[in-house]
Amino acid sequence: MVTGSAYTATIKNVLRMTLWTGCRAGEVCGMAWEDVDLDKGTIYLRETKTDVERYAQLSSQAIDFLKVLRLSTDKYLFPSQATKLPIQQKYLTENAWRLRKPGSMLDIPRWTPHDLRRTVRTGLSRLQCPNEVAEAILGHTKGGIEGVYNLYQYDAECKEWLQVWANYMDGLDTSQ
């Protein structure tokens, strides 16, 4: 039985932020301090898979974490120790694959860090988060006629539900 994680601290932090925000792992990897506003509790996402810039909302847990992280990083939240540039998303997936081989992590077939977004989405549904808010948290674009007429971003609602989600995660028993 694995008693701890063999991931590096940086990878653990990326995965933690992915769970707290619902952002894509690649979006989290590229986060820069110039885009973080701890007073407003937001991170501005300049580059997204959908090419739509947006704000990721932060729970109080994520804000507290970032205040501590700020003391140990420079330009990027999650830099490579070698290059000081943001770590690459593929590095996360490669590490999951590499650690699975010797049994250094839970053996979940075909698991990738991107699967954490499914965890966030499913958890939000379990907590009764409205569908349109959960989809906005993930940064999914609205399709069809709704995408044309409903331009509302749900920022306040995303912040509220991400706080509910973070509180829920705080209450999970991870000792098993």
C-alpha atoms as a PDB file:
ATOM      1  CA  MET A   1       0.000   0.000   0.000  1.00  0.00           C
ATOM      2  CA  VAL A   2       1.269   3.475  -0.888  1.00  0.00           C
ATOM      3  CA  THR A   3       1.408   5.707   2.194  1.00  0.00           C
ATOM      4  CA  GLY A   4       2.319   8.986   0.516  1.00  0.00           C
ATOM      5  CA  SER A   5       2.760  10.582  -2.839  1.00  0.00           C
ATOM      6  CA  ALA A   6       5.929  10.185  -4.882  1.00  0.00           C
ATOM      7  CA  TYR A   7       5.087  13.325  -6.855  1.00  0.00           C
ATOM      8  CA  THR A   8       7.321  16.377  -6.499  1.00  0.00           C
ATOM      9  CA  ALA A   9       6.009  19.275  -4.429  1.00  0.00           C
ATOM     10  CA  THR A  10       5.432  21.308  -7.606  1.00  0.00           C
ATOM     11  CA  ILE A  11       3.310  18.603  -9.218  1.00  0.00           C
ATOM     12  CA  LYS A  12       1.308  18.157  -6.008  1.00  0.00           C
ATOM     13  CA  ASN A  13       0.679  21.897  -5.970  1.00  0.00           C
ATOM     14  CA  VAL A  14      -0.513  21.897  -9.589  1.00  0.00           C
ATOM     15  CA  LEU A  15      -2.887  19.025  -8.842  1.00  0.00           C
ATOM     16  CA  ARG A  16      -4.131  20.773  -5.706  1.00  0.00           C
ATOM     17  CA  MET A  17      -4.817  23.990  -7.646  1.00  0.00           C
ATOM     18  CA  THR A  18      -6.543  21.989 -10.384  1.00  0.00           C
ATOM     19  CA  LEU A  19      -8.891  20.521  -7.785  1.00  0.00           C
ATOM     20  CA  TRP A  20      -9.538  23.895  -6.155  1.00  0.00           C
ATOM     21  CA  THR A  21     -10.251  25.764  -9.404  1.00  0.00           C
ATOM     22  CA  GLY A  22     -11.468  23.194 -11.939  1.00  0.00           C
ATOM     23  CA  CYS A  23      -8.993  24.691 -14.421  1.00  0.00           C
ATOM     24  CA  ARG A  24      -7.256  22.519 -16.974  1.00  0.00           C
ATOM     25  CA  ALA A  25      -3.880  21.275 -15.755  1.00  0.00           C
ATOM     26  CA  GLY A  26      -2.213  23.115 -18.647  1.00  0.00           C
ATOM     27  CA  GLU A  27      -3.880  26.361 -17.553  1.00  0.00           C
ATOM     28  CA  VAL A  28      -2.666  25.817 -13.995  1.00  0.00           C
ATOM     29  CA  CYS A  29       0.882  24.986 -15.139  1.00  0.00           C
ATOM     30  CA  GLY A  30       1.130  28.299 -17.011  1.00  0.00           C
ATOM     31  CA  MET A  31      -0.187  30.557 -14.250  1.00  0.00           C
ATOM     32  CA  ALA A  32       1.921  33.669 -13.635  1.00  0.00           C
ATOM     33  CA  TRP A  33       1.918  35.873 -10.554  1.00  0.00           C
ATOM     34  CA  GLU A  34       1.157  38.969 -12.633  1.00  0.00           C
ATOM     35  CA  ASP A  35      -2.288  37.434 -13.283  1.00  0.00           C
ATOM     36  CA  VAL A  36      -3.072  36.652  -9.641  1.00  0.00           C
ATOM     37  CA  ASP A  37      -5.184  39.060  -7.578  1.00  0.00           C
ATOM     38  CA  LEU A  38      -5.342  37.708  -4.050  1.00  0.00           C
ATOM     39  CA  ASP A  39      -7.472  40.653  -2.874  1.00  0.00           C
ATOM     40  CA  LYS A  40     -10.179  39.872  -5.438  1.00  0.00           C
ATOM     41  CA  GLY A  41      -9.554  36.116  -5.221  1.00  0.00           C
ATOM     42  CA  THR A  42      -9.024  35.616  -8.948  1.00  0.00           C
ATOM     43  CA  ILE A  43      -6.480  34.411 -11.457  1.00  0.00           C
ATOM     44  CA  TYR A  44      -6.703  35.819 -14.963  1.00  0.00           C
ATOM     45  CA  LEU A  45      -6.351  33.053 -17.540  1.00  0.00           C
ATOM     46  CA  ARG A  46      -4.868  34.517 -20.705  1.00  0.00           C
ATOM     47  CA  GLU A  47      -4.339  31.280 -22.599  1.00  0.00           C
ATOM     48  CA  THR A  48      -7.089  28.678 -22.518  1.00  0.00           C
ATOM     49  CA  LYS A  49      -7.971  25.677 -24.639  1.00  0.00           C
ATOM     50  CA  THR A  50     -11.029  27.533 -25.944  1.00  0.00           C
ATOM     51  CA  ASP A  51      -9.032  30.727 -26.662  1.00  0.00           C
ATOM     52  CA  VAL A  52     -11.462  32.615 -24.410  1.00  0.00           C
ATOM     53  CA  GLU A  53      -9.744  34.626 -21.684  1.00  0.00           C
ATOM     54  CA  ARG A  54     -11.478  34.371 -18.321  1.00  0.00           C
ATOM     55  CA  TYR A  55     -11.054  34.700 -14.576  1.00  0.00           C
ATOM     56  CA  ALA A  56     -10.691  31.641 -12.386  1.00  0.00           C
ATOM     57  CA  GLN A  57     -12.243  32.243  -8.993  1.00  0.00           C
ATOM     58  CA  LEU A  58     -10.425  31.219  -5.819  1.00  0.00           C
ATOM     59  CA  SER A  59     -11.699  29.721  -2.587  1.00  0.00           C
ATOM     60  CA  SER A  60     -10.300  30.955   0.711  1.00  0.00           C
ATOM     61  CA  GLN A  61      -8.256  27.734   0.893  1.00  0.00           C
ATOM     62  CA  ALA A  62      -6.683  28.457  -2.500  1.00  0.00           C
ATOM     63  CA  ILE A  63      -5.956  32.065  -1.500  1.00  0.00           C
ATOM     64  CA  ASP A  64      -4.266  30.970   1.739  1.00  0.00           C
ATOM     65  CA  PHE A  65      -2.216  28.414  -0.185  1.00  0.00           C
ATOM     66  CA  LEU A  66      -1.137  31.010  -2.756  1.00  0.00           C
ATOM     67  CA  LYS A  67      -0.073  33.449  -0.034  1.00  0.00           C
ATOM     68  CA  VAL A  68       2.376  30.836   1.237  1.00  0.00           C
ATOM     69  CA  LEU A  69       3.430  29.743  -2.260  1.00  0.00           C
ATOM     70  CA  ARG A  70       4.203  33.371  -3.140  1.00  0.00           C
ATOM     71  CA  LEU A  71       7.057  33.294  -0.657  1.00  0.00           C
ATOM     72  CA  SER A  72       8.904  30.582  -2.590  1.00  0.00           C
ATOM     73  CA  THR A  73       8.293  31.277  -6.287  1.00  0.00           C
ATOM     74  CA  ASP A  74       9.175  34.150  -8.584  1.00  0.00           C
ATOM     75  CA  LYS A  75       7.450  34.858 -11.917  1.00  0.00           C
ATOM     76  CA  TYR A  76       5.375  31.689 -12.244  1.00  0.00           C
ATOM     77  CA  LEU A  77       3.324  29.845  -9.659  1.00  0.00           C
ATOM     78  CA  PHE A  78       4.620  26.430 -10.696  1.00  0.00           C
ATOM     79  CA  PRO A  79       8.079  26.781 -12.239  1.00  0.00           C
ATOM     80  CA  SER A  80      10.396  24.030 -13.362  1.00  0.00           C
ATOM     81  CA  GLN A  81      13.399  23.852 -11.044  1.00  0.00           C
ATOM     82  CA  ALA A  82      15.640  23.446 -14.080  1.00  0.00           C
ATOM     83  CA  THR A  83      14.380  26.251 -16.336  1.00  0.00           C
ATOM     84  CA  LYS A  84      12.363  28.494 -13.974  1.00  0.00           C
ATOM     85  CA  LEU A  85       9.718  28.539 -16.725  1.00  0.00           C
ATOM     86  CA  PRO A  86       6.283  27.016 -16.078  1.00  0.00           C
ATOM     87  CA  ILE A  87       6.327  23.240 -15.898  1.00  0.00           C
ATOM     88  CA  GLN A  88       4.700  21.604 -18.889  1.00  0.00           C
ATOM     89  CA  GLN A  89       1.393  19.745 -18.704  1.00  0.00           C
ATOM     90  CA  LYS A  90       2.899  16.696 -20.411  1.00  0.00           C
ATOM     91  CA  TYR A  91       5.388  16.450 -17.528  1.00  0.00           C
ATOM     92  CA  LEU A  92       2.460  15.743 -15.180  1.00  0.00           C
ATOM     93  CA  THR A  93       1.098  12.937 -17.344  1.00  0.00           C
ATOM     94  CA  GLU A  94       4.549  11.453 -17.918  1.00  0.00           C
ATOM     95  CA  ASN A  95       5.145  11.408 -14.164  1.00  0.00           C
ATOM     96  CA  ALA A  96       1.859   9.603 -13.544  1.00  0.00           C
ATOM     97  CA  TRP A  97       2.873   6.973 -16.084  1.00  0.00           C
ATOM     98  CA  ARG A  98       6.419   6.670 -14.738  1.00  0.00           C
ATOM     99  CA  LEU A  99       5.323   6.365 -11.092  1.00  0.00           C
ATOM    100  CA  ARG A 100       2.641   3.799 -11.921  1.00  0.00           C
ATOM    101  CA  LYS A 101       5.191   1.292 -13.272  1.00  0.00           C
ATOM    102  CA  PRO A 102       7.078   0.611 -10.013  1.00  0.00           C
ATOM    103  CA  GLY A 103       3.911   0.890  -7.930  1.00  0.00           C
ATOM    104  CA  SER A 104       4.790   4.325  -6.545  1.00  0.00           C
ATOM    105  CA  MET A 105       1.239   5.592  -6.954  1.00  0.00           C
ATOM    106  CA  LEU A 106      -2.256   4.184  -6.912  1.00  0.00           C
ATOM    107  CA  ASP A 107      -2.790   2.025  -9.960  1.00  0.00           C
ATOM    108  CA  ILE A 108      -5.752   3.672 -11.628  1.00  0.00           C
ATOM    109  CA  PRO A 109      -5.730   2.554 -15.266  1.00  0.00           C
ATOM    110  CA  ARG A 110      -5.239   5.378 -17.762  1.00  0.00           C
ATOM    111  CA  TRP A 111      -5.545   8.088 -15.079  1.00  0.00           C
ATOM    112  CA  THR A 112      -4.194  11.504 -16.052  1.00  0.00           C
ATOM    113  CA  PRO A 113      -4.201  14.824 -14.180  1.00  0.00           C
ATOM    114  CA  HIS A 114      -6.927  16.017 -16.549  1.00  0.00           C
ATOM    115  CA  ASP A 115      -9.263  13.529 -14.850  1.00  0.00           C
ATOM    116  CA  LEU A 116      -9.319  15.855 -11.837  1.00  0.00           C
ATOM    117  CA  ARG A 117     -11.649  18.115 -13.821  1.00  0.00           C
ATOM    118  CA  ARG A 118     -14.114  15.235 -13.961  1.00  0.00           C
ATOM    119  CA  THR A 119     -13.724  14.906 -10.198  1.00  0.00           C
ATOM    120  CA  VAL A 120     -14.493  18.608  -9.749  1.00  0.00           C
ATOM    121  CA  ARG A 121     -17.488  18.498 -12.092  1.00  0.00           C
ATOM    122  CA  THR A 122     -18.924  15.357 -10.504  1.00  0.00           C
ATOM    123  CA  GLY A 123     -18.350  16.743  -7.014  1.00  0.00           C
ATOM    124  CA  LEU A 124     -20.102  19.995  -7.875  1.00  0.00           C
ATOM    125  CA  SER A 125     -23.094  18.028  -9.165  1.00  0.00           C
ATOM    126  CA  ARG A 126     -23.126  15.937  -5.980  1.00  0.00           C
ATOM    127  CA  LEU A 127     -23.278  19.188  -4.005  1.00  0.00           C
ATOM    128  CA  GLN A 128     -26.223  20.412  -6.146  1.00  0.00           C
ATOM    129  CA  CYS A 129     -24.314  23.147  -7.982  1.00  0.00           C
ATOM    130  CA  PRO A 130     -26.401  24.480 -10.898  1.00  0.00           C
ATOM    131  CA  ASN A 131     -25.265  23.058 -14.241  1.00  0.00           C
ATOM    132  CA  GLU A 132     -24.501  26.418 -15.858  1.00  0.00           C
ATOM    133  CA  VAL A 133     -22.307  27.418 -12.903  1.00  0.00           C
ATOM    134  CA  ALA A 134     -20.416  24.105 -12.877  1.00  0.00           C
ATOM    135  CA  GLU A 135     -19.786  24.442 -16.612  1.00  0.00           C
ATOM    136  CA  ALA A 136     -18.582  28.031 -16.148  1.00  0.00           C
ATOM    137  CA  ILE A 137     -16.182  26.851 -13.426  1.00  0.00           C
ATOM    138  CA  LEU A 138     -14.647  24.417 -15.914  1.00  0.00           C
ATOM    139  CA  GLY A 139     -14.428  27.129 -18.561  1.00  0.00           C
ATOM    140  CA  HIS A 140     -16.670  25.308 -20.991  1.00  0.00           C
ATOM    141  CA  THR A 141     -18.131  27.589 -23.632  1.00  0.00           C
ATOM    142  CA  LYS A 142     -21.865  27.702 -24.159  1.00  0.00           C
ATOM    143  CA  GLY A 143     -22.997  26.283 -27.450  1.00  0.00           C
ATOM    144  CA  GLY A 144     -25.838  27.014 -29.793  1.00  0.00           C
ATOM    145  CA  ILE A 145     -28.340  29.769 -29.166  1.00  0.00           C
ATOM    146  CA  GLU A 146     -27.405  30.015 -25.478  1.00  0.00           C
ATOM    147  CA  GLY A 147     -23.834  30.843 -26.444  1.00  0.00           C
ATOM    148  CA  VAL A 148     -25.117  33.645 -28.651  1.00  0.00           C
ATOM    149  CA  TYR A 149     -27.541  35.223 -26.197  1.00  0.00           C
ATOM    150  CA  ASN A 150     -26.266  34.392 -22.703  1.00  0.00           C
ATOM    151  CA  LEU A 151     -22.981  36.241 -22.225  1.00  0.00           C
ATOM    152  CA  TYR A 152     -23.125  36.210 -18.424  1.00  0.00           C
ATOM    153  CA  GLN A 153     -19.913  34.818 -16.855  1.00  0.00           C
ATOM    154  CA  TYR A 154     -21.294  33.582 -13.467  1.00  0.00           C
ATOM    155  CA  ASP A 155     -18.194  34.864 -11.615  1.00  0.00           C
ATOM    156  CA  ALA A 156     -19.926  35.420  -8.246  1.00  0.00           C
ATOM    157  CA  GLU A 157     -21.672  32.067  -8.472  1.00  0.00           C
ATOM    158  CA  CYS A 158     -18.419  30.312  -9.448  1.00  0.00           C
ATOM    159  CA  LYS A 159     -16.680  31.819  -6.417  1.00  0.00           C
ATOM    160  CA  GLU A 160     -19.532  30.715  -4.139  1.00  0.00           C
ATOM    161  CA  TRP A 161     -19.597  27.136  -5.444  1.00  0.00           C
ATOM    162  CA  LEU A 162     -15.832  26.752  -5.503  1.00  0.00           C
ATOM    163  CA  GLN A 163     -15.888  27.701  -1.808  1.00  0.00           C
ATOM    164  CA  VAL A 164     -18.566  25.059  -1.173  1.00  0.00           C
ATOM    165  CA  TRP A 165     -16.404  22.547  -3.086  1.00  0.00           C
ATOM    166  CA  ALA A 166     -13.216  23.467  -1.163  1.00  0.00           C
ATOM    167  CA  ASN A 167     -15.076  23.168   2.145  1.00  0.00           C
ATOM    168  CA  TYR A 168     -16.399  19.774   1.073  1.00  0.00           C
ATOM    169  CA  MET A 169     -12.887  18.594   0.192  1.00  0.00           C
ATOM    170  CA  ASP A 170     -11.627  19.821   3.582  1.00  0.00           C
ATOM    171  CA  GLY A 171     -14.166  17.512   5.213  1.00  0.00           C
ATOM    172  CA  LEU A 172     -13.102  14.369   3.344  1.00  0.00           C
ATOM    173  CA  ASP A 173     -11.476  11.621   5.381  1.00  0.00           C
ATOM    174  CA  THR A 174      -8.194  10.923   3.593  1.00  0.00           C
ATOM    175  CA  SER A 175      -6.836   8.562   6.246  1.00  0.00           C
ATOM    176  CA  GLN A 176      -8.229   5.486   4.482  1.00  0.00           C
END
